[in-house]
Amino acid sequence: MAGVAAGLARQFDVDVTLVRLLAAAACLFGGLGIPMYLDGWLLIPDEGTGISIADDLTDHARARRAVRN
């Protein structure tokens, strides 16, 4: 969906299907899959940019604070 499985598979040099199966198993057993997926979505940088969604959000927040001060 957001490329998390593909990014993790590329990083660890494993098949993307394995990563997706592990994520599905984590959702079924223990309910950790969804929070882990969201963490990956926020923290893994976009391909080619090196900037994650979390980095982008913190940069915007810093810019807004700088404008207010």
Protein backbone atom coordinates (compact mmCIF):
# COMPACT_ATOMS: atom_id res chain seq x y z
CA MET A 1 0.00 0.00 0.00
CA ALA A 2 2.57 2.59 1.02
CA GLY A 3 5.63 0.64 -0.11
CA VAL A 4 6.64 -0.43 3.39
CA ALA A 5 6.92 -4.13 2.54
CA ALA A 6 8.89 -3.41 -0.63
CA GLY A 7 11.22 -1.04 1.21
CA LEU A 8 11.89 -3.51 4.01
CA ALA A 9 12.40 -6.34 1.52
CA ARG A 10 14.91 -4.25 -0.42
CA GLN A 11 16.71 -3.19 2.77
CA PHE A 12 17.08 -6.74 4.07
CA ASP A 13 17.49 -8.35 0.62
CA VAL A 14 14.54 -10.74 1.02
CA ASP A 15 11.48 -11.45 -1.10
CA VAL A 16 8.68 -8.93 -0.61
CA THR A 17 6.18 -11.79 -0.24
CA LEU A 18 8.00 -12.95 2.88
CA VAL A 19 7.77 -9.49 4.41
CA ARG A 20 4.06 -9.30 3.59
CA LEU A 21 3.43 -12.73 5.11
CA LEU A 22 5.29 -11.74 8.28
CA ALA A 23 3.25 -8.53 8.52
CA ALA A 24 0.01 -10.48 8.07
CA ALA A 25 1.07 -12.96 10.75
CA ALA A 26 1.92 -10.09 13.09
CA CYS A 27 -1.60 -8.69 12.55
CA LEU A 28 -3.21 -12.04 13.31
CA PHE A 29 -1.05 -13.03 16.27
CA GLY A 30 -0.64 -10.25 18.78
CA GLY A 31 -2.03 -7.33 16.80
CA LEU A 32 1.40 -5.76 16.28
CA GLY A 33 1.29 -5.72 12.49
CA ILE A 34 -0.74 -2.55 12.04
CA PRO A 35 1.29 -0.37 14.45
CA MET A 36 4.53 -1.74 12.99
CA TYR A 37 3.31 -1.03 9.44
CA LEU A 38 2.36 2.54 10.40
CA ASP A 39 5.76 3.05 12.04
CA GLY A 40 7.45 1.84 8.88
CA TRP A 41 5.29 4.09 6.73
CA LEU A 42 6.26 7.10 8.83
CA LEU A 43 9.96 6.31 9.28
CA ILE A 44 11.14 4.68 6.04
CA PRO A 45 12.36 7.39 3.63
CA ASP A 46 10.66 7.79 0.27
CA GLU A 47 12.60 6.18 -2.55
CA GLY A 48 14.98 8.62 -4.16
CA THR A 49 14.44 11.42 -1.64
CA GLY A 50 15.91 10.13 1.59
CA ILE A 51 13.16 11.97 3.50
CA SER A 52 10.54 10.06 5.48
CA ILE A 53 7.03 11.29 6.20
CA ALA A 54 8.05 11.84 9.84
CA ASP A 55 11.01 13.99 8.72
CA ASP A 56 8.72 16.02 6.50
CA LEU A 57 6.20 16.54 9.32
CA THR A 58 8.87 17.66 11.79
CA ASP A 59 10.40 20.03 9.20
CA HIS A 60 6.98 21.65 8.63
CA ALA A 61 6.42 21.98 12.39
CA ARG A 62 9.83 23.64 12.84
CA ALA A 63 9.13 26.03 9.98
CA ARG A 64 5.77 27.02 11.49
CA ARG A 65 7.40 27.65 14.87
CA ALA A 66 10.10 29.77 13.23
CA VAL A 67 7.47 31.89 11.47
CA ARG A 68 5.58 32.47 14.73
CA ASN A 69 8.72 33.57 16.58
